[in-house]
Amino acid sequence: MFKFIGIIFLLFVVLFIAIIVEESFMGGRRRRQLEKKAREAAQKSDNPQ
């Protein structure tokens, strides 16, 4: 039973570290903001009102 809990905890820690690395080193927040601006610009060009 403790082995199962340990494996789940280890997976959680690995995923948590992967999220932190992606956000800090890969510029996750900046990239999402740029993608959002690009989508908004694309919608405006697709729907001229």
PDB file of N, CA and C in Angstrom:
ATOM      1  N   MET A   1       0.839  -1.211   0.000  1.00  0.00           N
ATOM      2  CA  MET A   1       0.000   0.000   0.000  1.00  0.00           C
ATOM      3  C   MET A   1       0.871   1.257   0.000  1.00  0.00           C
ATOM      4  N   PHE A   2       1.913   1.250   0.826  1.00  0.00           N
ATOM      5  CA  PHE A   2       2.785   2.432   0.884  1.00  0.00           C
ATOM      6  C   PHE A   2       3.543   2.619  -0.428  1.00  0.00           C
ATOM      7  N   LYS A   3       3.839   1.510  -1.109  1.00  0.00           N
ATOM      8  CA  LYS A   3       4.528   1.613  -2.396  1.00  0.00           C
ATOM      9  C   LYS A   3       3.631   2.337  -3.402  1.00  0.00           C
ATOM     10  N   PHE A   4       2.342   2.005  -3.415  1.00  0.00           N
ATOM     11  CA  PHE A   4       1.388   2.654  -4.324  1.00  0.00           C
ATOM     12  C   PHE A   4       1.292   4.147  -4.027  1.00  0.00           C
ATOM     13  N   ILE A   5       1.179   4.505  -2.760  1.00  0.00           N
ATOM     14  CA  ILE A   5       1.109   5.921  -2.370  1.00  0.00           C
ATOM     15  C   ILE A   5       2.403   6.636  -2.753  1.00  0.00           C
ATOM     16  N   GLY A   6       3.531   5.976  -2.574  1.00  0.00           N
ATOM     17  CA  GLY A   6       4.815   6.566  -2.940  1.00  0.00           C
ATOM     18  C   GLY A   6       4.923   6.832  -4.430  1.00  0.00           C
ATOM     19  N   ILE A   7       4.434   5.897  -5.248  1.00  0.00           N
ATOM     20  CA  ILE A   7       4.472   6.084  -6.705  1.00  0.00           C
ATOM     21  C   ILE A   7       3.591   7.257  -7.112  1.00  0.00           C
ATOM     22  N   ILE A   8       2.393   7.343  -6.549  1.00  0.00           N
ATOM     23  CA  ILE A   8       1.489   8.463  -6.863  1.00  0.00           C
ATOM     24  C   ILE A   8       2.132   9.787  -6.457  1.00  0.00           C
ATOM     25  N   PHE A   9       2.719   9.825  -5.270  1.00  0.00           N
ATOM     26  CA  PHE A   9       3.375  11.050  -4.794  1.00  0.00           C
ATOM     27  C   PHE A   9       4.540  11.430  -5.699  1.00  0.00           C
ATOM     28  N   LEU A  10       5.333  10.445  -6.108  1.00  0.00           N
ATOM     29  CA  LEU A  10       6.468  10.704  -6.994  1.00  0.00           C
ATOM     30  C   LEU A  10       5.994  11.268  -8.334  1.00  0.00           C
ATOM     31  N   LEU A  11       4.937  10.703  -8.899  1.00  0.00           N
ATOM     32  CA  LEU A  11       4.395  11.225 -10.160  1.00  0.00           C
ATOM     33  C   LEU A  11       3.921  12.660  -9.987  1.00  0.00           C
ATOM     34  N   PHE A  12       3.263  12.948  -8.873  1.00  0.00           N
ATOM     35  CA  PHE A  12       2.792  14.308  -8.603  1.00  0.00           C
ATOM     36  C   PHE A  12       3.962  15.282  -8.554  1.00  0.00           C
ATOM     37  N   VAL A  13       5.032  14.904  -7.856  1.00  0.00           N
ATOM     38  CA  VAL A  13       6.203  15.777  -7.735  1.00  0.00           C
ATOM     39  C   VAL A  13       6.844  15.996  -9.100  1.00  0.00           C
ATOM     40  N   VAL A  14       6.972  14.935  -9.895  1.00  0.00           N
ATOM     41  CA  VAL A  14       7.581  15.058 -11.225  1.00  0.00           C
ATOM     42  C   VAL A  14       6.753  15.992 -12.099  1.00  0.00           C
ATOM     43  N   LEU A  15       5.432  15.844 -12.085  1.00  0.00           N
ATOM     44  CA  LEU A  15       4.576  16.725 -12.886  1.00  0.00           C
ATOM     45  C   LEU A  15       4.667  18.162 -12.398  1.00  0.00           C
ATOM     46  N   PHE A  16       4.720  18.357 -11.088  1.00  0.00           N
ATOM     47  CA  PHE A  16       4.829  19.705 -10.529  1.00  0.00           C
ATOM     48  C   PHE A  16       6.122  20.374 -10.984  1.00  0.00           C
ATOM     49  N   ILE A  17       7.222  19.633 -10.935  1.00  0.00           N
ATOM     50  CA  ILE A  17       8.509  20.175 -11.385  1.00  0.00           C
ATOM     51  C   ILE A  17       8.462  20.485 -12.875  1.00  0.00           C
ATOM     52  N   ALA A  18       7.836  19.614 -13.661  1.00  0.00           N
ATOM     53  CA  ALA A  18       7.744  19.846 -15.106  1.00  0.00           C
ATOM     54  C   ALA A  18       6.958  21.118 -15.404  1.00  0.00           C
ATOM     55  N   ILE A  19       5.884  21.366 -14.660  1.00  0.00           N
ATOM     56  CA  ILE A  19       5.093  22.588 -14.861  1.00  0.00           C
ATOM     57  C   ILE A  19       5.931  23.812 -14.517  1.00  0.00           C
ATOM     58  N   ILE A  20       6.656  23.766 -13.412  1.00  0.00           N
ATOM     59  CA  ILE A  20       7.484  24.911 -13.013  1.00  0.00           C
ATOM     60  C   ILE A  20       8.567  25.178 -14.057  1.00  0.00           C
ATOM     61  N   VAL A  21       9.209  24.130 -14.549  1.00  0.00           N
ATOM     62  CA  VAL A  21      10.259  24.300 -15.556  1.00  0.00           C
ATOM     63  C   VAL A  21       9.672  24.911 -16.823  1.00  0.00           C
ATOM     64  N   GLU A  22       8.515  24.416 -17.257  1.00  0.00           N
ATOM     65  CA  GLU A  22       7.895  24.939 -18.478  1.00  0.00           C
ATOM     66  C   GLU A  22       7.529  26.401 -18.314  1.00  0.00           C
ATOM     67  N   GLU A  23       6.959  26.752 -17.165  1.00  0.00           N
ATOM     68  CA  GLU A  23       6.529  28.135 -16.953  1.00  0.00           C
ATOM     69  C   GLU A  23       7.719  29.084 -16.853  1.00  0.00           C
ATOM     70  N   SER A  24       8.779  28.661 -16.183  1.00  0.00           N
ATOM     71  CA  SER A  24       9.883  29.587 -15.940  1.00  0.00           C
ATOM     72  C   SER A  24      10.859  29.640 -17.107  1.00  0.00           C
ATOM     73  N   PHE A  25      11.249  28.486 -17.636  1.00  0.00           N
ATOM     74  CA  PHE A  25      12.304  28.474 -18.652  1.00  0.00           C
ATOM     75  C   PHE A  25      11.761  28.592 -20.067  1.00  0.00           C
ATOM     76  N   MET A  26      10.554  28.102 -20.314  1.00  0.00           N
ATOM     77  CA  MET A  26      10.015  28.117 -21.672  1.00  0.00           C
ATOM     78  C   MET A  26       9.137  29.341 -21.925  1.00  0.00           C
ATOM     79  N   GLY A  27       8.975  30.205 -20.928  1.00  0.00           N
ATOM     80  CA  GLY A  27       8.164  31.405 -21.110  1.00  0.00           C
ATOM     81  C   GLY A  27       6.700  31.083 -21.321  1.00  0.00           C
ATOM     82  N   GLY A  28       6.147  30.215 -20.494  1.00  0.00           N
ATOM     83  CA  GLY A  28       4.775  29.757 -20.685  1.00  0.00           C
ATOM     84  C   GLY A  28       3.753  30.879 -20.674  1.00  0.00           C
ATOM     85  N   ARG A  29       3.841  31.789 -19.709  1.00  0.00           N
ATOM     86  CA  ARG A  29       2.842  32.851 -19.590  1.00  0.00           C
ATOM     87  C   ARG A  29       2.952  33.830 -20.758  1.00  0.00           C
ATOM     88  N   ARG A  30       4.166  34.226 -21.102  1.00  0.00           N
ATOM     89  CA  ARG A  30       4.349  35.154 -22.233  1.00  0.00           C
ATOM     90  C   ARG A  30       3.843  34.530 -23.523  1.00  0.00           C
ATOM     91  N   ARG A  31       4.143  33.248 -23.719  1.00  0.00           N
ATOM     92  CA  ARG A  31       3.710  32.583 -24.948  1.00  0.00           C
ATOM     93  C   ARG A  31       2.186  32.544 -25.032  1.00  0.00           C
ATOM     94  N   ARG A  32       1.527  32.249 -23.905  1.00  0.00           N
ATOM     95  CA  ARG A  32       0.060  32.209 -23.917  1.00  0.00           C
ATOM     96  C   ARG A  32      -0.519  33.579 -24.217  1.00  0.00           C
ATOM     97  N   GLN A  33       0.082  34.634 -23.663  1.00  0.00           N
ATOM     98  CA  GLN A  33      -0.414  35.983 -23.946  1.00  0.00           C
ATOM     99  C   GLN A  33      -0.245  36.318 -25.420  1.00  0.00           C
ATOM    100  N   LEU A  34       0.892  35.945 -26.001  1.00  0.00           N
ATOM    101  CA  LEU A  34       1.105  36.212 -27.424  1.00  0.00           C
ATOM    102  C   LEU A  34       0.120  35.416 -28.275  1.00  0.00           C
ATOM    103  N   GLU A  35      -0.138  34.157 -27.898  1.00  0.00           N
ATOM    104  CA  GLU A  35      -1.102  33.360 -28.653  1.00  0.00           C
ATOM    105  C   GLU A  35      -2.495  33.960 -28.545  1.00  0.00           C
ATOM    106  N   LYS A  36      -2.858  34.469 -27.371  1.00  0.00           N
ATOM    107  CA  LYS A  36      -4.170  35.092 -27.197  1.00  0.00           C
ATOM    108  C   LYS A  36      -4.293  36.327 -28.084  1.00  0.00           C
ATOM    109  N   LYS A  37      -3.253  37.161 -28.114  1.00  0.00           N
ATOM    110  CA  LYS A  37      -3.285  38.344 -28.976  1.00  0.00           C
ATOM    111  C   LYS A  37      -3.382  37.939 -30.439  1.00  0.00           C
ATOM    112  N   ALA A  38      -2.671  36.899 -30.819  1.00  0.00           N
ATOM    113  CA  ALA A  38      -2.709  36.438 -32.211  1.00  0.00           C
ATOM    114  C   ALA A  38      -4.107  35.931 -32.564  1.00  0.00           C
ATOM    115  N   ARG A  39      -4.746  35.203 -31.636  1.00  0.00           N
ATOM    116  CA  ARG A  39      -6.107  34.716 -31.898  1.00  0.00           C
ATOM    117  C   ARG A  39      -7.079  35.876 -32.023  1.00  0.00           C
ATOM    118  N   GLU A  40      -6.952  36.873 -31.134  1.00  0.00           N
ATOM    119  CA  GLU A  40      -7.851  38.028 -31.210  1.00  0.00           C
ATOM    120  C   GLU A  40      -7.656  38.777 -32.523  1.00  0.00           C
ATOM    121  N   ALA A  41      -6.423  38.941 -32.951  1.00  0.00           N
ATOM    122  CA  ALA A  41      -6.151  39.625 -34.213  1.00  0.00           C
ATOM    123  C   ALA A  41      -6.713  38.814 -35.377  1.00  0.00           C
ATOM    124  N   ALA A  42      -6.602  37.498 -35.308  1.00  0.00           N
ATOM    125  CA  ALA A  42      -7.124  36.655 -36.381  1.00  0.00           C
ATOM    126  C   ALA A  42      -8.647  36.736 -36.426  1.00  0.00           C
ATOM    127  N   GLN A  43      -9.291  36.787 -35.266  1.00  0.00           N
ATOM    128  CA  GLN A  43     -10.752  36.892 -35.246  1.00  0.00           C
ATOM    129  C   GLN A  43     -11.202  38.228 -35.813  1.00  0.00           C
ATOM    130  N   LYS A  44     -10.495  39.288 -35.490  1.00  0.00           N
ATOM    131  CA  LYS A  44     -10.864  40.604 -36.012  1.00  0.00           C
ATOM    132  C   LYS A  44     -10.713  40.647 -37.528  1.00  0.00           C
ATOM    133  N   SER A  45      -9.671  40.021 -38.053  1.00  0.00           N
ATOM    134  CA  SER A  45      -9.472  40.040 -39.502  1.00  0.00           C
ATOM    135  C   SER A  45     -10.469  39.115 -40.195  1.00  0.00           C
ATOM    136  N   ASP A  46     -10.927  38.066 -39.498  1.00  0.00           N
ATOM    137  CA  ASP A  46     -11.904  37.160 -40.100  1.00  0.00           C
ATOM    138  C   ASP A  46     -13.308  37.741 -40.082  1.00  0.00           C
ATOM    139  N   ASN A  47     -13.615  38.557 -39.090  1.00  0.00           N
ATOM    140  CA  ASN A  47     -14.968  39.097 -38.931  1.00  0.00           C
ATOM    141  C   ASN A  47     -14.957  40.616 -39.007  1.00  0.00           C
ATOM    142  N   PRO A  48     -14.794  41.184 -40.182  1.00  0.00           N
ATOM    143  CA  PRO A  48     -14.842  42.652 -40.264  1.00  0.00           C
ATOM    144  C   PRO A  48     -16.261  43.153 -40.051  1.00  0.00           C
ATOM    145  N   GLN A  49     -16.416  44.060 -39.097  1.00  0.00           N
ATOM    146  CA  GLN A  49     -17.762  44.563 -38.787  1.00  0.00           C
ATOM    147  C   GLN A  49     -17.832  46.051 -38.982  1.00  0.00           C
TER     148      GLN A  49
END
